[in-house]
Amino acid sequence: MLLPEAATNQSQELRTPVAMAMALRYAKKLDFVETINRSAAWDEKQCNLSPGQLALSVVFSTFADVRSPLYHIKNNFAHMDTAFLFGPGVTGDDFTDDAPARTLDKIYAAGSSRLFSKIALNGYSAFDIPFHKLHSDTSSLALYGEYSECDSPAYDGVDITEGFSKDHRPDLKQVMASQFAAFYTTGETALFTFSLSR
């Protein structure tokens, strides 16, 4: 389904799917792009697109007719009004092969769980969603394999270790994760998710 007027540039025959136009509207309400830009380290002078714009391109790609790997993400925006989606002057050529992957690295370095929490809280504020209680829970995620790289002194990732298993699999190594969720009248939304094994 295509959005006719607001998201169509008739002179260049560029079209934007309704789903992307709606996702853009929600992203603006959530302050998605600016929240990421404020959190991730980046140099405005060196980057054609901000980390927030590139993260938004990954979100928009989930609405594309054909899924592409990250290094071909610009194919998802062929014949679309990229200026409408990402801002004036943005073209498909701005989505270089490595830009989305570098953005994911920047988001990881900024703290992806913390960033998710900021955007989730933006949603509560933007849509005035009341919640009446918070809930916290932990889970053990059983893993298979040796993970010998985790024994290196230089390793700075999630701690994969043995311990009490909620999955009743004491023979497997695991990662412990915790989640805080906010409950409101019609459901719940995760606010914070983080590893306890770091």
N, C-alpha and C. Protein backbone atom coordinates (compact mmCIF):
# COMPACT_ATOMS: atom_id res chain seq x y z
N MET A 1 0.85 -1.17 0.00
CA MET A 1 0.00 0.00 0.00
C MET A 1 0.89 1.23 0.00
N LEU A 2 0.58 2.21 -0.80
CA LEU A 2 1.42 3.40 -0.92
C LEU A 2 0.67 4.62 -0.41
N LEU A 3 1.44 5.53 0.16
CA LEU A 3 0.87 6.78 0.65
C LEU A 3 0.82 7.76 -0.51
N PRO A 4 -0.36 8.26 -0.87
CA PRO A 4 -0.46 9.05 -2.08
C PRO A 4 0.16 10.44 -2.00
N GLU A 5 -0.37 11.35 -1.22
CA GLU A 5 0.00 12.74 -1.36
C GLU A 5 1.22 13.15 -0.54
N ALA A 6 1.09 13.15 0.79
CA ALA A 6 2.13 13.72 1.63
C ALA A 6 3.48 13.07 1.41
N ALA A 7 3.50 11.77 1.16
CA ALA A 7 4.78 11.08 1.05
C ALA A 7 5.14 10.71 -0.38
N THR A 8 4.51 11.35 -1.35
CA THR A 8 4.83 11.06 -2.74
C THR A 8 5.31 12.33 -3.44
N ASN A 9 6.45 12.26 -4.05
CA ASN A 9 6.99 13.37 -4.83
C ASN A 9 6.71 13.05 -6.29
N GLN A 10 5.65 13.65 -6.85
CA GLN A 10 5.19 13.28 -8.18
C GLN A 10 6.24 13.56 -9.26
N SER A 11 7.02 14.64 -9.11
CA SER A 11 7.96 14.99 -10.16
C SER A 11 9.05 13.93 -10.33
N GLN A 12 9.42 13.26 -9.25
CA GLN A 12 10.45 12.24 -9.34
C GLN A 12 9.88 10.83 -9.22
N GLU A 13 8.57 10.72 -9.11
CA GLU A 13 7.89 9.45 -8.96
C GLU A 13 8.45 8.63 -7.81
N LEU A 14 8.69 9.29 -6.68
CA LEU A 14 9.15 8.61 -5.48
C LEU A 14 7.95 8.32 -4.61
N ARG A 15 7.92 7.12 -4.05
CA ARG A 15 6.79 6.73 -3.23
C ARG A 15 7.27 6.14 -1.92
N THR A 16 6.46 6.28 -0.90
CA THR A 16 6.79 5.77 0.42
C THR A 16 5.64 4.92 0.93
N PRO A 17 5.89 3.68 1.36
CA PRO A 17 4.82 2.85 1.90
C PRO A 17 4.18 3.48 3.13
N VAL A 18 2.89 3.27 3.28
CA VAL A 18 2.15 3.82 4.42
C VAL A 18 2.77 3.37 5.74
N ALA A 19 3.20 2.11 5.81
CA ALA A 19 3.76 1.60 7.07
C ALA A 19 4.98 2.41 7.50
N MET A 20 5.83 2.79 6.54
CA MET A 20 7.01 3.59 6.88
C MET A 20 6.62 5.00 7.30
N ALA A 21 5.62 5.56 6.61
CA ALA A 21 5.15 6.90 6.97
C ALA A 21 4.57 6.90 8.40
N MET A 22 3.84 5.84 8.74
CA MET A 22 3.29 5.75 10.10
C MET A 22 4.40 5.52 11.14
N ALA A 23 5.37 4.68 10.78
CA ALA A 23 6.49 4.44 11.69
C ALA A 23 7.26 5.74 11.92
N LEU A 24 7.40 6.56 10.88
CA LEU A 24 8.07 7.86 11.02
C LEU A 24 7.33 8.75 12.00
N ARG A 25 6.03 8.74 11.90
CA ARG A 25 5.22 9.57 12.81
C ARG A 25 5.43 9.15 14.26
N TYR A 26 5.43 7.85 14.52
CA TYR A 26 5.67 7.36 15.88
C TYR A 26 7.10 7.65 16.32
N ALA A 27 8.06 7.48 15.41
CA ALA A 27 9.47 7.75 15.75
C ALA A 27 9.64 9.20 16.18
N LYS A 28 8.96 10.11 15.51
CA LYS A 28 9.03 11.53 15.89
C LYS A 28 8.43 11.75 17.27
N LYS A 29 7.31 11.10 17.55
CA LYS A 29 6.69 11.24 18.89
C LYS A 29 7.60 10.70 19.98
N LEU A 30 8.35 9.64 19.66
CA LEU A 30 9.25 9.02 20.64
C LEU A 30 10.59 9.75 20.73
N ASP A 31 10.80 10.75 19.88
CA ASP A 31 12.09 11.46 19.81
C ASP A 31 13.21 10.45 19.55
N PHE A 32 12.91 9.47 18.70
CA PHE A 32 13.80 8.34 18.43
C PHE A 32 15.17 8.79 17.92
N VAL A 33 15.17 9.56 16.84
CA VAL A 33 16.43 9.96 16.21
C VAL A 33 17.27 10.80 17.15
N GLU A 34 16.68 11.82 17.77
CA GLU A 34 17.45 12.72 18.63
C GLU A 34 17.93 12.03 19.91
N THR A 35 17.14 11.12 20.45
CA THR A 35 17.57 10.38 21.65
C THR A 35 18.82 9.57 21.34
N ILE A 36 18.84 8.91 20.20
CA ILE A 36 20.02 8.14 19.80
C ILE A 36 21.20 9.07 19.52
N ASN A 37 20.94 10.18 18.83
CA ASN A 37 22.02 11.11 18.51
C ASN A 37 22.66 11.70 19.76
N ARG A 38 21.86 11.96 20.79
CA ARG A 38 22.40 12.51 22.04
C ARG A 38 23.19 11.46 22.82
N SER A 39 22.87 10.19 22.64
CA SER A 39 23.49 9.13 23.43
C SER A 39 24.73 8.53 22.77
N ALA A 40 24.72 8.42 21.45
CA ALA A 40 25.83 7.77 20.74
C ALA A 40 26.92 8.79 20.41
N ALA A 41 28.16 8.35 20.51
CA ALA A 41 29.29 9.21 20.15
C ALA A 41 29.44 9.22 18.62
N TRP A 42 29.44 10.42 18.04
CA TRP A 42 29.60 10.53 16.60
C TRP A 42 30.06 11.93 16.25
N ASP A 43 30.62 12.07 15.07
CA ASP A 43 31.15 13.35 14.61
C ASP A 43 30.29 13.85 13.46
N GLU A 44 29.59 14.95 13.70
CA GLU A 44 28.70 15.51 12.70
C GLU A 44 29.42 15.86 11.40
N LYS A 45 30.67 16.26 11.52
CA LYS A 45 31.44 16.68 10.34
C LYS A 45 31.87 15.49 9.49
N GLN A 46 31.96 14.32 10.10
CA GLN A 46 32.45 13.13 9.39
C GLN A 46 31.33 12.26 8.82
N CYS A 47 30.11 12.43 9.32
CA CYS A 47 29.00 11.52 8.96
C CYS A 47 27.96 12.22 8.09
N ASN A 48 27.57 11.58 7.00
CA ASN A 48 26.48 12.11 6.18
C ASN A 48 25.14 11.96 6.89
N LEU A 49 24.98 10.84 7.60
CA LEU A 49 23.75 10.58 8.34
C LEU A 49 24.09 10.37 9.81
N SER A 50 23.20 10.78 10.67
CA SER A 50 23.42 10.62 12.11
C SER A 50 23.12 9.18 12.52
N PRO A 51 23.61 8.75 13.68
CA PRO A 51 23.28 7.40 14.16
C PRO A 51 21.77 7.20 14.29
N GLY A 52 21.05 8.24 14.69
CA GLY A 52 19.59 8.13 14.81
C GLY A 52 18.92 7.89 13.48
N GLN A 53 19.38 8.58 12.43
CA GLN A 53 18.81 8.38 11.10
C GLN A 53 19.11 6.97 10.59
N LEU A 54 20.33 6.51 10.84
CA LEU A 54 20.70 5.16 10.39
C LEU A 54 19.94 4.09 11.17
N ALA A 55 19.74 4.30 12.48
CA ALA A 55 18.94 3.36 13.27
C ALA A 55 17.50 3.34 12.76
N LEU A 56 17.00 4.50 12.40
CA LEU A 56 15.65 4.59 11.84
C LEU A 56 15.57 3.82 10.52
N SER A 57 16.64 3.85 9.73
CA SER A 57 16.64 3.10 8.47
C SER A 57 16.53 1.60 8.72
N VAL A 58 17.14 1.13 9.82
CA VAL A 58 17.03 -0.29 10.17
C VAL A 58 15.59 -0.62 10.56
N VAL A 59 14.95 0.27 11.33
CA VAL A 59 13.54 0.08 11.71
C VAL A 59 12.67 0.06 10.45
N PHE A 60 12.87 1.05 9.58
CA PHE A 60 12.07 1.12 8.35
C PHE A 60 12.26 -0.11 7.47
N SER A 61 13.43 -0.69 7.50
CA SER A 61 13.71 -1.86 6.65
C SER A 61 12.82 -3.04 7.00
N THR A 62 12.32 -3.08 8.22
CA THR A 62 11.42 -4.18 8.59
C THR A 62 10.09 -4.08 7.85
N PHE A 63 9.80 -2.90 7.27
CA PHE A 63 8.57 -2.72 6.51
C PHE A 63 8.78 -2.85 5.00
N ALA A 64 10.01 -3.13 4.59
CA ALA A 64 10.31 -3.23 3.15
C ALA A 64 9.71 -4.50 2.57
N ASP A 65 9.41 -4.46 1.28
CA ASP A 65 8.84 -5.62 0.61
C ASP A 65 9.81 -6.79 0.59
N VAL A 66 11.09 -6.50 0.40
CA VAL A 66 12.12 -7.53 0.35
C VAL A 66 13.17 -7.19 1.39
N ARG A 67 13.47 -8.15 2.26
CA ARG A 67 14.48 -7.91 3.28
C ARG A 67 15.86 -7.96 2.66
N SER A 68 16.72 -7.04 3.07
CA SER A 68 18.10 -7.00 2.58
C SER A 68 19.05 -7.06 3.77
N PRO A 69 20.25 -7.60 3.56
CA PRO A 69 21.24 -7.53 4.63
C PRO A 69 21.61 -6.07 4.89
N LEU A 70 22.18 -5.80 6.05
CA LEU A 70 22.50 -4.43 6.43
C LEU A 70 23.36 -3.72 5.38
N TYR A 71 24.30 -4.45 4.78
CA TYR A 71 25.19 -3.79 3.83
C TYR A 71 24.51 -3.45 2.51
N HIS A 72 23.26 -3.89 2.32
CA HIS A 72 22.48 -3.52 1.14
C HIS A 72 21.23 -2.73 1.53
N ILE A 73 21.28 -2.09 2.68
CA ILE A 73 20.07 -1.44 3.21
C ILE A 73 19.56 -0.35 2.28
N LYS A 74 20.46 0.28 1.52
CA LYS A 74 20.01 1.34 0.62
C LYS A 74 19.05 0.81 -0.44
N ASN A 75 19.12 -0.50 -0.76
CA ASN A 75 18.18 -1.07 -1.73
C ASN A 75 16.73 -0.99 -1.24
N ASN A 76 16.56 -0.98 0.08
CA ASN A 76 15.20 -0.89 0.63
C ASN A 76 14.55 0.45 0.35
N PHE A 77 15.37 1.47 0.05
CA PHE A 77 14.84 2.82 -0.13
C PHE A 77 14.89 3.29 -1.58
N ALA A 78 15.13 2.35 -2.50
CA ALA A 78 15.11 2.71 -3.92
C ALA A 78 13.70 3.16 -4.29
N HIS A 79 13.60 4.25 -5.03
CA HIS A 79 12.32 4.80 -5.49
C HIS A 79 11.44 5.30 -4.36
N MET A 80 12.04 5.54 -3.18
CA MET A 80 11.27 6.12 -2.07
C MET A 80 11.73 7.55 -1.82
N ASP A 81 10.87 8.31 -1.21
CA ASP A 81 11.18 9.70 -0.89
C ASP A 81 12.01 9.74 0.39
N THR A 82 13.33 9.56 0.25
CA THR A 82 14.21 9.52 1.42
C THR A 82 14.27 10.86 2.13
N ALA A 83 14.04 11.96 1.40
CA ALA A 83 14.01 13.28 2.05
C ALA A 83 12.82 13.36 3.00
N PHE A 84 11.71 12.76 2.61
CA PHE A 84 10.52 12.74 3.49
C PHE A 84 10.80 11.89 4.73
N LEU A 85 11.45 10.73 4.54
CA LEU A 85 11.68 9.81 5.65
C LEU A 85 12.80 10.26 6.59
N PHE A 86 13.88 10.82 6.02
CA PHE A 86 15.07 11.07 6.83
C PHE A 86 15.49 12.54 6.91
N GLY A 87 14.91 13.39 6.10
CA GLY A 87 15.26 14.80 6.15
C GLY A 87 15.76 15.30 4.82
N PRO A 88 15.75 16.62 4.65
CA PRO A 88 16.15 17.24 3.38
C PRO A 88 17.56 16.84 2.97
N GLY A 89 17.73 16.58 1.69
CA GLY A 89 19.05 16.29 1.14
C GLY A 89 19.51 14.86 1.27
N VAL A 90 18.75 14.01 1.99
CA VAL A 90 19.16 12.61 2.17
C VAL A 90 18.76 11.81 0.94
N THR A 91 19.72 11.06 0.40
CA THR A 91 19.44 10.19 -0.74
C THR A 91 19.82 8.75 -0.38
N GLY A 92 19.41 7.82 -1.20
CA GLY A 92 19.74 6.41 -0.98
C GLY A 92 21.24 6.17 -0.95
N ASP A 93 22.00 6.99 -1.67
CA ASP A 93 23.46 6.82 -1.72
C ASP A 93 24.13 7.15 -0.38
N ASP A 94 23.42 7.84 0.50
CA ASP A 94 23.99 8.15 1.82
C ASP A 94 24.08 6.91 2.71
N PHE A 95 23.34 5.87 2.37
CA PHE A 95 23.35 4.64 3.17
C PHE A 95 24.46 3.72 2.65
N THR A 96 25.70 4.04 3.00
CA THR A 96 26.84 3.27 2.54
C THR A 96 26.82 1.87 3.13
N ASP A 97 27.62 0.99 2.55
CA ASP A 97 27.61 -0.43 2.94
C ASP A 97 27.82 -0.64 4.43
N ASP A 98 28.75 0.12 5.02
CA ASP A 98 29.12 -0.15 6.41
C ASP A 98 28.44 0.77 7.43
N ALA A 99 27.71 1.78 6.98
CA ALA A 99 27.13 2.76 7.91
C ALA A 99 26.17 2.14 8.94
N PRO A 100 25.21 1.29 8.54
CA PRO A 100 24.30 0.73 9.56
C PRO A 100 25.03 -0.11 10.60
N ALA A 101 26.02 -0.90 10.16
CA ALA A 101 26.76 -1.74 11.11
C ALA A 101 27.56 -0.88 12.09
N ARG A 102 28.17 0.19 11.59
CA ARG A 102 28.91 1.10 12.48
C ARG A 102 27.96 1.75 13.48
N THR A 103 26.74 2.04 13.03
CA THR A 103 25.75 2.63 13.93
C THR A 103 25.39 1.66 15.05
N LEU A 104 25.22 0.38 14.71
CA LEU A 104 24.92 -0.61 15.75
C LEU A 104 26.06 -0.70 16.76
N ASP A 105 27.32 -0.57 16.29
CA ASP A 105 28.47 -0.53 17.20
C ASP A 105 28.39 0.68 18.12
N LYS A 106 28.00 1.83 17.57
CA LYS A 106 27.88 3.06 18.37
C LYS A 106 26.77 2.93 19.41
N ILE A 107 25.68 2.30 19.02
CA ILE A 107 24.57 2.10 19.95
C ILE A 107 24.98 1.14 21.06
N TYR A 108 25.72 0.10 20.72
CA TYR A 108 26.22 -0.83 21.74
C TYR A 108 27.15 -0.10 22.70
N ALA A 109 28.05 0.72 22.15
CA ALA A 109 29.00 1.45 23.00
C ALA A 109 28.28 2.44 23.91
N ALA A 110 27.17 3.00 23.45
CA ALA A 110 26.41 3.96 24.25
C ALA A 110 25.57 3.26 25.32
N GLY A 111 25.40 1.95 25.19
CA GLY A 111 24.57 1.19 26.13
C GLY A 111 23.20 0.96 25.55
N SER A 112 23.04 -0.12 24.79
CA SER A 112 21.79 -0.36 24.07
C SER A 112 20.60 -0.52 25.01
N SER A 113 20.80 -1.16 26.16
CA SER A 113 19.68 -1.32 27.11
C SER A 113 19.25 0.02 27.67
N ARG A 114 20.24 0.85 28.00
CA ARG A 114 19.93 2.18 28.53
C ARG A 114 19.21 3.02 27.49
N LEU A 115 19.64 2.90 26.24
CA LEU A 115 19.02 3.64 25.15
C LEU A 115 17.59 3.17 24.92
N PHE A 116 17.38 1.85 24.96
CA PHE A 116 16.02 1.32 24.84
C PHE A 116 15.12 1.88 25.94
N SER A 117 15.66 1.93 27.16
CA SER A 117 14.88 2.44 28.29
C SER A 117 14.49 3.90 28.08
N LYS A 118 15.42 4.70 27.58
CA LYS A 118 15.13 6.12 27.33
C LYS A 118 13.99 6.26 26.33
N ILE A 119 14.06 5.48 25.24
CA ILE A 119 13.03 5.57 24.21
C ILE A 119 11.69 5.05 24.74
N ALA A 120 11.73 3.98 25.54
CA ALA A 120 10.48 3.46 26.14
C ALA A 120 9.86 4.50 27.06
N LEU A 121 10.68 5.16 27.87
CA LEU A 121 10.16 6.20 28.76
C LEU A 121 9.64 7.40 27.97
N ASN A 122 10.31 7.72 26.85
CA ASN A 122 9.79 8.77 25.97
C ASN A 122 8.37 8.42 25.52
N GLY A 123 8.14 7.13 25.23
CA GLY A 123 6.81 6.69 24.80
C GLY A 123 5.77 6.88 25.89
N TYR A 124 6.13 6.55 27.13
CA TYR A 124 5.19 6.76 28.24
C TYR A 124 4.82 8.23 28.37
N SER A 125 5.81 9.08 28.22
CA SER A 125 5.58 10.51 28.34
C SER A 125 4.81 11.06 27.14
N ALA A 126 5.23 10.69 25.92
CA ALA A 126 4.61 11.23 24.70
C ALA A 126 3.15 10.84 24.57
N PHE A 127 2.81 9.62 24.98
CA PHE A 127 1.45 9.13 24.83
C PHE A 127 0.68 9.16 26.14
N ASP A 128 1.29 9.78 27.17
CA ASP A 128 0.64 9.96 28.47
C ASP A 128 0.04 8.63 28.99
N ILE A 129 0.88 7.59 29.01
CA ILE A 129 0.44 6.27 29.44
C ILE A 129 0.66 6.14 30.95
N PRO A 130 -0.40 6.01 31.73
CA PRO A 130 -0.20 5.84 33.18
C PRO A 130 0.13 4.38 33.49
N PHE A 131 0.98 4.16 34.45
CA PHE A 131 1.21 2.80 34.91
C PHE A 131 1.10 2.77 36.42
N HIS A 132 0.59 1.65 36.93
CA HIS A 132 0.30 1.59 38.35
C HIS A 132 1.28 0.74 39.15
N LYS A 133 2.15 -0.01 38.50
CA LYS A 133 3.17 -0.73 39.24
C LYS A 133 4.32 -1.13 38.32
N LEU A 134 5.47 -1.38 38.95
CA LEU A 134 6.65 -1.86 38.24
C LEU A 134 6.94 -3.27 38.70
N HIS A 135 7.43 -4.09 37.81
CA HIS A 135 7.73 -5.48 38.13
C HIS A 135 9.13 -5.81 37.66
N SER A 136 9.86 -6.55 38.46
CA SER A 136 11.21 -6.97 38.08
C SER A 136 11.28 -8.49 38.13
N ASP A 137 12.01 -9.06 37.18
CA ASP A 137 12.17 -10.51 37.15
C ASP A 137 13.53 -10.84 36.53
N THR A 138 14.06 -11.99 36.86
CA THR A 138 15.31 -12.45 36.27
C THR A 138 15.07 -13.75 35.51
N SER A 139 15.91 -13.99 34.54
CA SER A 139 15.86 -15.23 33.78
C SER A 139 17.27 -15.72 33.53
N SER A 140 17.43 -17.04 33.54
CA SER A 140 18.71 -17.60 33.12
C SER A 140 18.53 -18.12 31.71
N LEU A 141 19.48 -17.78 30.86
CA LEU A 141 19.43 -18.20 29.47
C LEU A 141 20.51 -19.26 29.25
N ALA A 142 20.11 -20.51 29.08
CA ALA A 142 21.06 -21.61 28.92
C ALA A 142 21.72 -21.52 27.55
N LEU A 143 23.03 -21.78 27.53
CA LEU A 143 23.81 -21.71 26.30
C LEU A 143 24.54 -23.02 26.06
N TYR A 144 24.77 -23.33 24.79
CA TYR A 144 25.49 -24.53 24.41
C TYR A 144 26.84 -24.12 23.82
N GLY A 145 27.86 -24.92 24.00
CA GLY A 145 29.17 -24.63 23.43
C GLY A 145 30.20 -24.35 24.51
N GLU A 146 31.44 -24.11 24.08
CA GLU A 146 32.53 -23.93 25.03
C GLU A 146 32.77 -22.48 25.42
N TYR A 147 32.64 -21.52 24.50
CA TYR A 147 32.85 -20.10 24.77
C TYR A 147 34.22 -19.84 25.37
N SER A 148 35.26 -20.42 24.78
CA SER A 148 36.61 -20.28 25.30
C SER A 148 37.09 -18.83 25.26
N GLU A 149 36.57 -18.01 24.33
CA GLU A 149 37.00 -16.61 24.26
C GLU A 149 36.61 -15.83 25.52
N CYS A 150 35.61 -16.32 26.26
CA CYS A 150 35.18 -15.65 27.48
C CYS A 150 36.20 -15.80 28.61
N ASP A 151 37.11 -16.76 28.48
CA ASP A 151 38.14 -16.97 29.50
C ASP A 151 39.32 -16.03 29.33
N SER A 152 39.39 -15.33 28.21
CA SER A 152 40.51 -14.42 27.95
C SER A 152 40.43 -13.20 28.88
N PRO A 153 41.56 -12.75 29.43
CA PRO A 153 41.55 -11.56 30.29
C PRO A 153 41.10 -10.30 29.55
N ALA A 154 41.25 -10.27 28.23
CA ALA A 154 40.86 -9.10 27.45
C ALA A 154 39.36 -9.07 27.13
N TYR A 155 38.65 -10.18 27.39
CA TYR A 155 37.22 -10.26 27.06
C TYR A 155 36.42 -9.31 27.94
N ASP A 156 35.56 -8.50 27.29
CA ASP A 156 34.78 -7.50 28.03
C ASP A 156 33.28 -7.65 27.75
N GLY A 157 32.85 -8.85 27.43
CA GLY A 157 31.44 -9.05 27.09
C GLY A 157 30.65 -9.63 28.24
N VAL A 158 29.52 -10.19 27.89
CA VAL A 158 28.64 -10.82 28.88
C VAL A 158 29.33 -12.02 29.49
N ASP A 159 29.17 -12.19 30.79
CA ASP A 159 29.80 -13.30 31.51
C ASP A 159 28.98 -14.57 31.32
N ILE A 160 29.56 -15.52 30.62
CA ILE A 160 28.91 -16.82 30.39
C ILE A 160 29.52 -17.78 31.40
N THR A 161 28.69 -18.26 32.32
CA THR A 161 29.23 -18.99 33.46
C THR A 161 28.28 -20.09 33.92
N GLU A 162 28.77 -20.91 34.85
CA GLU A 162 27.91 -21.92 35.47
C GLU A 162 27.22 -21.29 36.67
N GLY A 163 26.14 -21.91 37.10
CA GLY A 163 25.40 -21.39 38.25
C GLY A 163 24.04 -22.04 38.34
N PHE A 164 23.23 -21.58 39.29
CA PHE A 164 21.88 -22.12 39.44
C PHE A 164 21.08 -21.84 38.17
N SER A 165 20.49 -22.88 37.60
CA SER A 165 19.78 -22.75 36.34
C SER A 165 18.27 -22.80 36.56
N LYS A 166 17.59 -21.73 36.19
CA LYS A 166 16.12 -21.73 36.25
C LYS A 166 15.52 -22.66 35.19
N ASP A 167 16.34 -23.02 34.19
CA ASP A 167 15.90 -23.94 33.13
C ASP A 167 16.08 -25.40 33.55
N HIS A 168 16.56 -25.62 34.77
CA HIS A 168 16.82 -26.98 35.28
C HIS A 168 17.84 -27.71 34.41
N ARG A 169 18.87 -26.97 33.95
CA ARG A 169 19.94 -27.55 33.15
C ARG A 169 21.28 -27.16 33.78
N PRO A 170 21.61 -27.75 34.91
CA PRO A 170 22.87 -27.39 35.57
C PRO A 170 24.11 -27.79 34.76
N ASP A 171 23.92 -28.62 33.74
CA ASP A 171 25.05 -29.05 32.91
C ASP A 171 25.46 -27.98 31.89
N LEU A 172 24.62 -26.96 31.69
CA LEU A 172 24.90 -25.94 30.69
C LEU A 172 25.35 -24.62 31.33
N LYS A 173 26.20 -23.90 30.61
CA LYS A 173 26.56 -22.56 31.05
C LYS A 173 25.38 -21.63 30.76
N GLN A 174 25.41 -20.44 31.37
CA GLN A 174 24.26 -19.56 31.24
C GLN A 174 24.65 -18.09 31.34
N VAL A 175 23.69 -17.25 30.98
CA VAL A 175 23.76 -15.81 31.17
C VAL A 175 22.52 -15.44 31.98
N MET A 176 22.69 -14.59 32.97
CA MET A 176 21.54 -14.12 33.74
C MET A 176 21.11 -12.75 33.22
N ALA A 177 19.81 -12.58 33.00
CA ALA A 177 19.28 -11.31 32.52
C ALA A 177 18.15 -10.87 33.44
N SER A 178 17.97 -9.57 33.56
CA SER A 178 16.90 -9.02 34.38
C SER A 178 16.08 -8.06 33.54
N GLN A 179 14.81 -7.93 33.88
CA GLN A 179 13.95 -7.01 33.15
C GLN A 179 13.02 -6.31 34.13
N PHE A 180 12.88 -5.00 33.95
CA PHE A 180 11.87 -4.23 34.67
C PHE A 180 10.77 -3.91 33.69
N ALA A 181 9.53 -4.11 34.10
CA ALA A 181 8.40 -3.82 33.22
C ALA A 181 7.42 -2.94 33.96
N ALA A 182 6.76 -2.06 33.21
CA ALA A 182 5.72 -1.19 33.77
C ALA A 182 4.37 -1.77 33.39
N PHE A 183 3.48 -1.87 34.37
CA PHE A 183 2.14 -2.39 34.11
C PHE A 183 1.17 -1.23 34.01
N TYR A 184 0.33 -1.27 33.00
CA TYR A 184 -0.73 -0.29 32.86
C TYR A 184 -2.02 -1.05 32.65
N THR A 185 -3.12 -0.35 32.45
CA THR A 185 -4.43 -0.99 32.50
C THR A 185 -4.64 -2.09 31.47
N THR A 186 -4.01 -1.99 30.29
CA THR A 186 -4.28 -2.99 29.26
C THR A 186 -3.09 -3.89 28.94
N GLY A 187 -2.01 -3.80 29.70
CA GLY A 187 -0.87 -4.66 29.40
C GLY A 187 0.38 -4.24 30.14
N GLU A 188 1.52 -4.62 29.59
CA GLU A 188 2.79 -4.24 30.20
C GLU A 188 3.80 -3.94 29.10
N THR A 189 4.79 -3.13 29.45
CA THR A 189 5.85 -2.77 28.53
C THR A 189 7.18 -2.85 29.25
N ALA A 190 8.15 -3.49 28.62
CA ALA A 190 9.49 -3.55 29.21
C ALA A 190 10.11 -2.17 29.20
N LEU A 191 10.70 -1.79 30.33
CA LEU A 191 11.40 -0.51 30.43
C LEU A 191 12.90 -0.68 30.44
N PHE A 192 13.37 -1.68 31.15
CA PHE A 192 14.80 -1.92 31.28
C PHE A 192 15.06 -3.41 31.10
N THR A 193 16.02 -3.77 30.31
CA THR A 193 16.47 -5.15 30.19
C THR A 193 17.99 -5.12 30.22
N PHE A 194 18.60 -5.91 31.08
CA PHE A 194 20.05 -5.88 31.16
C PHE A 194 20.57 -7.20 31.67
N SER A 195 21.84 -7.45 31.36
CA SER A 195 22.50 -8.67 31.81
C SER A 195 22.99 -8.47 33.22
N LEU A 196 22.80 -9.47 34.06
CA LEU A 196 23.33 -9.43 35.42
C LEU A 196 24.72 -10.02 35.48
N SER A 197 25.16 -10.61 34.38
CA SER A 197 26.41 -11.34 34.35
C SER A 197 27.50 -10.54 33.64
N ARG A 198 27.66 -9.31 34.02
CA ARG A 198 28.68 -8.50 33.35
C ARG A 198 29.55 -7.80 34.36
